[in-house]
Amino acid sequence: MKSRVFEWLGVLTAIIYSLLVAANVGAEFVGFFLLLTSSILIGIWAYLGKHRGILFLQFFYATAGLIGMVRWH
């Protein structure tokens, strides 16, 4: 049950991230912060559920979030 919280919070933050960046309203830094947050949450879910491919993917999403935050700061 606890892992589902990480899964769905990660999904929701990813949705908000993608909408903010696509809307091009000047909230890119917040969007990339949400991408980083999402990747951490989904990464925890993936680790707990032994979903190694998804966990591996989250490292790249986290990296993209950090790059985006640095570039938009």
Protein backbone atom coordinates (compact mmCIF):
# COMPACT_ATOMS: atom_id res chain seq x y z
CA MET A 1 0.00 0.00 0.00
CA LYS A 2 2.80 2.40 0.92
CA SER A 3 4.48 1.88 -2.45
CA ARG A 4 1.28 2.94 -4.22
CA VAL A 5 1.60 6.38 -2.60
CA PHE A 6 5.04 6.81 -4.18
CA GLU A 7 3.74 5.54 -7.52
CA TRP A 8 0.75 7.88 -7.73
CA LEU A 9 2.46 10.96 -6.29
CA GLY A 10 5.19 10.41 -8.87
CA VAL A 11 2.64 10.11 -11.64
CA LEU A 12 0.79 13.26 -10.57
CA THR A 13 3.95 15.34 -10.31
CA ALA A 14 5.05 14.11 -13.76
CA ILE A 15 1.69 15.13 -15.24
CA ILE A 16 1.90 18.60 -13.69
CA TYR A 17 5.50 18.93 -14.88
CA SER A 18 4.62 18.09 -18.48
CA LEU A 19 1.65 20.47 -18.52
CA LEU A 20 3.69 23.35 -17.08
CA VAL A 21 6.51 22.94 -19.56
CA ALA A 22 4.13 22.45 -22.51
CA ALA A 23 2.10 25.52 -21.52
CA ASN A 24 5.23 27.68 -21.80
CA VAL A 25 4.05 30.03 -19.05
CA GLY A 26 7.46 30.74 -17.55
CA ALA A 27 7.28 28.04 -14.90
CA GLU A 28 10.01 25.86 -16.36
CA PHE A 29 12.13 25.82 -13.19
CA VAL A 30 9.15 24.62 -11.14
CA GLY A 31 8.36 22.09 -13.86
CA PHE A 32 11.86 20.64 -13.82
CA PHE A 33 11.78 20.53 -10.03
CA LEU A 34 8.57 18.50 -10.33
CA LEU A 35 10.29 16.20 -12.84
CA LEU A 36 13.09 15.62 -10.33
CA THR A 37 10.55 15.02 -7.56
CA SER A 38 8.58 12.64 -9.76
CA SER A 39 11.68 10.65 -10.67
CA ILE A 40 12.59 10.27 -6.99
CA LEU A 41 9.07 9.15 -6.05
CA ILE A 42 8.72 6.71 -8.93
CA GLY A 43 12.29 5.56 -8.29
CA ILE A 44 11.37 4.66 -4.71
CA TRP A 45 8.28 2.82 -5.98
CA ALA A 46 10.38 0.98 -8.58
CA TYR A 47 13.01 0.03 -6.00
CA LEU A 48 10.41 -1.29 -3.56
CA GLY A 49 8.71 -3.28 -6.31
CA LYS A 50 11.97 -4.45 -7.88
CA HIS A 51 11.10 -2.83 -11.21
CA ARG A 52 14.70 -2.45 -12.30
CA GLY A 53 14.04 -1.05 -15.76
CA ILE A 54 11.81 1.71 -14.42
CA LEU A 55 14.31 2.45 -11.65
CA PHE A 56 17.09 2.77 -14.23
CA LEU A 57 14.93 5.12 -16.31
CA GLN A 58 14.33 7.36 -13.28
CA PHE A 59 18.05 8.12 -13.03
CA PHE A 60 17.84 9.68 -16.49
CA TYR A 61 14.67 11.62 -15.66
CA ALA A 62 16.32 12.89 -12.47
CA THR A 63 19.34 13.97 -14.51
CA ALA A 64 17.07 15.77 -16.99
CA GLY A 65 15.32 17.50 -14.09
CA LEU A 66 18.61 18.69 -12.61
CA ILE A 67 19.89 19.89 -15.99
CA GLY A 68 16.64 21.74 -16.61
CA MET A 69 16.79 23.41 -13.20
CA VAL A 70 20.38 24.53 -13.75
CA ARG A 71 19.67 25.82 -17.27
CA TRP A 72 16.50 27.71 -16.29
CA HIS A 73 17.84 29.19 -13.06
